[in-house]
Amino acid sequence: MNKGKTESGCGYVARRMLTAAMLLLVAACVQIPDLAQRRSTADTLAAEHGWQATSLPSDSFRLRAYLPPAPVAANMLTVYLEGDGLAWLSPDTPSADPTPTNPLALQLALRDRQPAAYLARPCQYGSAEESPCRQVFWTRLRFAPEVVQASNQALDQLKQRFRAQRLLLVGYSGGGTLAALLAARRQDVAGLITIASSLDHLVWAQDKRLSPLTGSLNPADDWRRLQWVPQRHYVGTLDKQVGRMPVAAYVARFPVERRPELVEMPDFDHHCCWLQHWPALKLDALARWHLSVD
């Protein structure tokens, strides 16, 4: 996401030149995996657990999903939504494809022993080459109405494949933002769990001095529709990428008696140590809600 210009004059120019030089130095030392490598990473992770890739059509996009080879009928299906992935190469340079280098949501899904599926974001895993996948859909419009609609249609297909009655949505980073938007628009969501997610991205952009996601829907505006959905929102105390503020701002929108849980995890950051403690974190939320997966 491009940073808002908060400085001017020679000081601003010098800072940007220094930043560019540092980015070039980092790029010379750390090579970003190309699209084929990133797709191979996800395929390999899935194959190790017997999962397979599938493509889910929608009115606007084709979405990548990973599923067990023979989905078992489940009363409640847990769907894991991926984060923003490699949306930006630098503060001012969007990537050509937002496929994640480290698909954390996929790894969380693969550790789940209950019926589960993984859903990528629109334009990830090579679908960025398809129309209407333009860079704006993984930058400013990453939560646009057509993105939410496409993901909602994909959830319908996953629910049908598993013959599920209810959905538990688990979203990592931007996937949690999208999961909240989806939960606000469905009647079959039994629970919502987010991990390191910007649930009020307007507050997040202001806090980080970033350009606002103009044209994107904001979960904080949907609090009335979300107040009856059981929710738990995990925040790492060391997370500098998202942090506590946008989640706290989201929670504060709700009436006191209907406020979702905000759970801070000491020594966790944006990436560590969610995988190591999953699925215990999920099961703890289900126990708190007295929610059965049967």
Protein backbone atom coordinates (compact mmCIF):
# COMPACT_ATOMS: atom_id res chain seq x y z
CA MET A 1 0.00 0.00 0.00
CA ASN A 2 1.41 3.36 -0.96
CA LYS A 3 2.25 5.69 1.86
CA GLY A 4 0.65 9.10 2.06
CA LYS A 5 3.08 11.96 1.51
CA THR A 6 3.37 13.63 4.90
CA GLU A 7 6.64 15.49 4.18
CA SER A 8 7.66 18.02 1.56
CA GLY A 9 10.76 19.67 0.14
CA CYS A 10 14.31 18.39 0.16
CA GLY A 11 13.84 16.36 3.32
CA TYR A 12 11.07 14.33 1.74
CA VAL A 13 13.02 13.78 -1.49
CA ALA A 14 16.14 12.74 0.40
CA ARG A 15 14.19 10.30 2.52
CA ARG A 16 12.56 8.72 -0.52
CA MET A 17 15.90 8.41 -2.31
CA LEU A 18 17.39 6.71 0.75
CA THR A 19 14.39 4.38 0.97
CA ALA A 20 14.73 3.46 -2.70
CA ALA A 21 18.43 2.75 -2.28
CA MET A 22 17.76 0.54 0.72
CA LEU A 23 15.08 -1.37 -1.17
CA LEU A 24 17.46 -1.99 -4.05
CA LEU A 25 20.05 -3.27 -1.59
CA VAL A 26 17.55 -5.60 0.04
CA ALA A 27 16.33 -6.84 -3.34
CA ALA A 28 19.88 -7.67 -4.31
CA CYS A 29 20.26 -9.84 -1.21
CA VAL A 30 16.76 -11.35 -1.00
CA GLN A 31 15.17 -12.58 -4.21
CA ILE A 32 11.39 -12.64 -4.20
CA PRO A 33 10.09 -15.99 -5.50
CA ASP A 34 8.45 -15.69 -8.90
CA LEU A 35 4.83 -16.65 -9.50
CA ALA A 36 5.65 -20.23 -10.49
CA GLN A 37 7.63 -20.72 -7.28
CA ARG A 38 4.88 -19.24 -5.14
CA ARG A 39 2.25 -21.45 -6.74
CA SER A 40 4.53 -24.45 -6.32
CA THR A 41 4.94 -23.67 -2.62
CA ALA A 42 1.17 -23.81 -2.09
CA ASP A 43 0.74 -26.90 -4.27
CA THR A 44 3.48 -28.71 -2.37
CA LEU A 45 2.08 -27.80 1.04
CA ALA A 46 -1.36 -28.99 -0.01
CA ALA A 47 -0.08 -32.21 -1.62
CA GLU A 48 1.77 -33.16 1.56
CA HIS A 49 -1.65 -33.40 3.24
CA GLY A 50 -3.44 -34.93 0.27
CA TRP A 51 -5.22 -31.69 -0.60
CA GLN A 52 -5.82 -30.55 -4.17
CA ALA A 53 -6.25 -27.23 -5.93
CA THR A 54 -9.53 -26.30 -7.56
CA SER A 55 -10.86 -23.21 -9.31
CA LEU A 56 -14.14 -21.63 -8.22
CA PRO A 57 -15.89 -19.35 -10.73
CA SER A 58 -17.85 -16.24 -9.83
CA ASP A 59 -19.46 -13.36 -11.66
CA SER A 60 -16.23 -11.33 -11.52
CA PHE A 61 -13.22 -13.56 -10.74
CA ARG A 62 -12.00 -17.14 -10.58
CA LEU A 63 -10.78 -18.00 -7.10
CA ARG A 64 -8.24 -20.65 -6.12
CA ALA A 65 -9.23 -23.05 -3.36
CA TYR A 66 -7.48 -26.04 -1.80
CA LEU A 67 -9.61 -28.92 -0.57
CA PRO A 68 -9.29 -32.47 0.73
CA PRO A 69 -9.53 -34.90 -2.20
CA ALA A 70 -12.91 -36.24 -1.05
CA PRO A 71 -14.72 -33.62 1.05
CA VAL A 72 -16.66 -35.25 3.86
CA ALA A 73 -20.17 -34.04 4.62
CA ALA A 74 -20.00 -31.64 7.55
CA ASN A 75 -22.57 -29.76 9.54
CA MET A 76 -20.08 -26.93 10.00
CA LEU A 77 -17.28 -26.18 7.54
CA THR A 78 -14.31 -24.01 8.52
CA VAL A 79 -13.13 -21.84 5.63
CA TYR A 80 -9.72 -20.18 5.87
CA LEU A 81 -9.26 -16.95 3.92
CA GLU A 82 -5.79 -15.92 2.82
CA GLY A 83 -4.14 -12.59 3.58
CA ASP A 84 -3.25 -9.89 1.07
CA GLY A 85 -0.23 -11.83 -0.14
CA LEU A 86 2.47 -10.12 -2.17
CA ALA A 87 0.39 -7.06 -2.93
CA TRP A 88 3.30 -4.61 -2.90
CA LEU A 89 6.98 -4.89 -3.78
CA SER A 90 7.76 -1.58 -2.09
CA PRO A 91 5.73 1.24 -0.50
CA ASP A 92 5.15 2.70 -3.97
CA THR A 93 5.32 -0.32 -6.28
CA PRO A 94 2.47 -2.85 -6.56
CA SER A 95 3.41 -6.40 -7.48
CA ALA A 96 2.34 -7.95 -10.77
CA ASP A 97 0.57 -10.77 -8.90
CA PRO A 98 -0.56 -10.92 -5.24
CA THR A 99 0.07 -14.63 -4.72
CA PRO A 100 1.56 -15.01 -1.21
CA THR A 101 5.16 -16.07 -0.70
CA ASN A 102 4.16 -17.77 2.56
CA PRO A 103 0.47 -18.81 2.49
CA LEU A 104 -0.11 -18.81 6.24
CA ALA A 105 -3.87 -19.29 6.01
CA LEU A 106 -3.29 -22.44 3.93
CA GLN A 107 -0.91 -23.78 6.56
CA LEU A 108 -3.48 -23.08 9.28
CA ALA A 109 -6.13 -24.93 7.27
CA LEU A 110 -3.89 -27.93 6.79
CA ARG A 111 -3.41 -28.22 10.56
CA ASP A 112 -7.16 -28.31 11.18
CA ARG A 113 -8.45 -31.81 11.94
CA GLN A 114 -12.06 -30.78 11.44
CA PRO A 115 -13.73 -30.32 8.02
CA ALA A 116 -11.95 -27.37 6.43
CA ALA A 117 -11.25 -25.63 3.13
CA TYR A 118 -8.89 -22.88 2.00
CA LEU A 119 -9.96 -19.94 -0.13
CA ALA A 120 -7.50 -17.59 -1.77
CA ARG A 121 -8.23 -13.96 -2.52
CA PRO A 122 -9.29 -12.82 -5.98
CA CYS A 123 -6.34 -12.52 -8.39
CA GLN A 124 -3.98 -14.75 -6.38
CA TYR A 125 -2.26 -17.87 -7.78
CA GLY A 126 -2.04 -16.69 -11.36
CA SER A 127 -5.61 -15.53 -11.80
CA ALA A 128 -4.23 -11.99 -11.89
CA GLU A 129 -3.63 -12.68 -15.58
CA GLU A 130 -7.39 -12.95 -16.09
CA SER A 131 -9.77 -10.06 -16.66
CA PRO A 132 -10.88 -8.10 -14.63
CA CYS A 133 -7.86 -8.75 -12.38
CA ARG A 134 -6.14 -5.39 -12.33
CA GLN A 135 -3.62 -4.19 -9.76
CA VAL A 136 -6.22 -1.97 -8.17
CA PHE A 137 -8.00 -5.10 -6.93
CA TRP A 138 -5.10 -6.05 -4.66
CA THR A 139 -4.26 -2.48 -3.65
CA ARG A 140 -6.99 0.13 -3.17
CA LEU A 141 -9.99 -2.07 -4.10
CA ARG A 142 -8.96 -5.22 -2.25
CA PHE A 143 -12.28 -5.12 -0.33
CA ALA A 144 -14.44 -3.68 -3.11
CA PRO A 145 -18.06 -4.88 -3.46
CA GLU A 146 -17.22 -7.10 -6.44
CA VAL A 147 -14.38 -8.74 -4.46
CA VAL A 148 -16.74 -9.48 -1.56
CA GLN A 149 -19.41 -10.77 -3.94
CA ALA A 150 -16.97 -13.12 -5.69
CA SER A 151 -15.76 -14.54 -2.37
CA ASN A 152 -19.36 -14.91 -1.20
CA GLN A 153 -20.20 -16.94 -4.30
CA ALA A 154 -17.13 -19.11 -3.69
CA LEU A 155 -18.35 -19.78 -0.13
CA ASP A 156 -21.67 -20.98 -1.54
CA GLN A 157 -19.83 -23.48 -3.73
CA LEU A 158 -17.65 -24.74 -0.87
CA LYS A 159 -20.67 -25.11 1.36
CA GLN A 160 -22.41 -27.16 -1.33
CA ARG A 161 -19.38 -29.43 -1.87
CA PHE A 162 -19.21 -30.27 1.83
CA ARG A 163 -23.01 -30.33 2.19
CA ALA A 164 -22.49 -28.03 5.17
CA GLN A 165 -25.21 -26.18 7.03
CA ARG A 166 -23.02 -23.59 8.74
CA LEU A 167 -19.70 -21.87 8.16
CA LEU A 168 -16.92 -20.89 10.53
CA LEU A 169 -14.83 -18.20 8.87
CA VAL A 170 -11.16 -17.83 9.80
CA GLY A 171 -9.22 -15.02 8.17
CA TYR A 172 -5.56 -14.09 8.37
CA SER A 173 -4.51 -10.44 7.93
CA GLY A 174 -6.53 -8.99 5.03
CA GLY A 175 -8.34 -12.31 4.82
CA GLY A 176 -9.83 -11.53 8.23
CA THR A 177 -11.06 -8.18 6.96
CA LEU A 178 -12.74 -9.96 4.07
CA ALA A 179 -14.11 -12.66 6.38
CA ALA A 180 -15.84 -10.02 8.51
CA LEU A 181 -17.40 -8.43 5.43
CA LEU A 182 -18.65 -11.85 4.33
CA ALA A 183 -20.04 -12.67 7.78
CA ALA A 184 -22.02 -9.44 7.68
CA ARG A 185 -23.68 -10.52 4.43
CA ARG A 186 -24.58 -14.11 5.25
CA GLN A 187 -27.04 -15.83 7.56
CA ASP A 188 -25.13 -19.10 7.93
CA VAL A 189 -21.96 -17.95 9.71
CA ALA A 190 -21.69 -19.70 13.07
CA GLY A 191 -18.54 -17.84 14.09
CA LEU A 192 -15.80 -15.49 12.94
CA ILE A 193 -12.12 -15.69 13.93
CA THR A 194 -9.56 -13.20 12.64
CA ILE A 195 -5.79 -13.17 13.06
CA ALA A 196 -3.77 -9.95 12.78
CA SER A 197 -6.52 -8.32 10.72
CA SER A 198 -7.29 -4.69 10.03
CA LEU A 199 -10.98 -4.62 10.91
CA ASP A 200 -11.23 -0.85 10.59
CA HIS A 201 -8.89 -0.15 7.69
CA LEU A 202 -9.65 3.57 7.74
CA VAL A 203 -8.18 3.78 11.25
CA TRP A 204 -5.32 1.50 10.14
CA ALA A 205 -4.46 3.75 7.19
CA GLN A 206 -4.53 6.83 9.40
CA ASP A 207 -2.40 5.15 12.06
CA LYS A 208 0.22 3.97 9.55
CA ARG A 209 0.04 7.16 7.45
CA LEU A 210 -1.02 5.23 4.39
CA SER A 211 -3.35 6.12 1.56
CA PRO A 212 -6.93 5.09 2.39
CA LEU A 213 -8.50 2.11 0.62
CA THR A 214 -10.94 4.28 -1.29
CA GLY A 215 -13.64 2.14 -2.88
CA SER A 216 -13.24 -0.71 -0.37
CA LEU A 217 -15.90 -1.75 2.12
CA ASN A 218 -14.96 -1.41 5.80
CA PRO A 219 -16.07 -4.08 8.35
CA ALA A 220 -16.40 -1.45 11.08
CA ASP A 221 -19.32 0.05 9.17
CA ASP A 222 -21.14 -3.30 9.31
CA TRP A 223 -21.21 -3.62 13.10
CA ARG A 224 -25.02 -3.69 13.26
CA ARG A 225 -25.17 -6.80 11.06
CA LEU A 226 -22.22 -8.39 12.85
CA GLN A 227 -23.31 -7.89 16.45
CA TRP A 228 -25.09 -11.26 16.59
CA VAL A 229 -22.16 -13.23 15.14
CA PRO A 230 -19.84 -14.89 17.71
CA GLN A 231 -16.42 -13.35 17.14
CA ARG A 232 -12.87 -13.56 18.39
CA HIS A 233 -10.12 -11.32 17.04
CA TYR A 234 -6.50 -12.22 17.77
CA VAL A 235 -3.84 -9.51 17.88
CA GLY A 236 -0.11 -9.98 18.34
CA THR A 237 1.42 -7.55 20.82
CA LEU A 238 4.52 -7.27 18.59
CA ASP A 239 2.60 -6.80 15.35
CA LYS A 240 3.89 -3.62 13.72
CA GLN A 241 2.13 -4.23 10.41
CA VAL A 242 -1.45 -4.04 11.69
CA GLY A 243 -1.36 -3.81 15.47
CA ARG A 244 -4.10 -3.37 18.03
CA MET A 245 -5.55 0.02 17.05
CA PRO A 246 -7.73 -0.95 14.03
CA VAL A 247 -9.13 -3.96 15.89
CA ALA A 248 -9.87 -1.93 19.02
CA ALA A 249 -11.59 0.73 16.88
CA TYR A 250 -13.75 -1.97 15.30
CA VAL A 251 -14.70 -3.50 18.65
CA ALA A 252 -15.56 -0.06 20.04
CA ARG A 253 -18.28 0.34 17.40
CA PHE A 254 -20.40 -2.34 19.10
CA PRO A 255 -22.67 -1.79 22.10
CA VAL A 256 -20.88 -2.80 25.29
CA GLU A 257 -23.04 -5.88 25.79
CA ARG A 258 -22.40 -7.08 22.21
CA ARG A 259 -18.71 -6.32 21.83
CA PRO A 260 -16.59 -9.07 20.22
CA GLU A 261 -13.58 -10.54 21.95
CA LEU A 262 -10.21 -8.92 21.34
CA VAL A 263 -7.50 -11.32 22.47
CA GLU A 264 -3.93 -10.04 22.63
CA MET A 265 -1.19 -12.63 22.25
CA PRO A 266 2.10 -11.69 24.01
CA ASP A 267 5.23 -12.05 21.87
CA PHE A 268 3.23 -12.76 18.69
CA ASP A 269 3.79 -10.52 15.67
CA HIS A 270 2.13 -10.40 12.25
CA HIS A 271 3.60 -13.76 11.19
CA CYS A 272 4.76 -15.49 14.37
CA CYS A 273 3.57 -17.57 16.17
CA TRP A 274 0.10 -18.33 14.87
CA LEU A 275 0.91 -21.57 13.13
CA GLN A 276 2.68 -23.05 16.13
CA HIS A 277 -0.38 -22.52 18.35
CA TRP A 278 -3.04 -23.55 15.85
CA PRO A 279 -5.61 -25.19 16.09
CA ALA A 280 -5.63 -24.72 19.88
CA LEU A 281 -6.55 -21.05 19.40
CA LYS A 282 -9.52 -22.04 17.25
CA LEU A 283 -10.71 -24.70 19.67
CA ASP A 284 -10.49 -22.25 22.56
CA ALA A 285 -12.82 -19.86 20.73
CA LEU A 286 -15.30 -22.64 19.97
CA ALA A 287 -15.30 -23.69 23.61
CA ARG A 288 -15.95 -20.12 24.70
CA TRP A 289 -18.93 -19.93 22.36
CA HIS A 290 -20.15 -23.44 23.34
CA LEU A 291 -20.12 -24.16 19.63
CA SER A 292 -20.01 -27.74 18.42
CA VAL A 293 -18.63 -28.77 15.03
CA ASP A 294 -20.97 -31.80 14.87
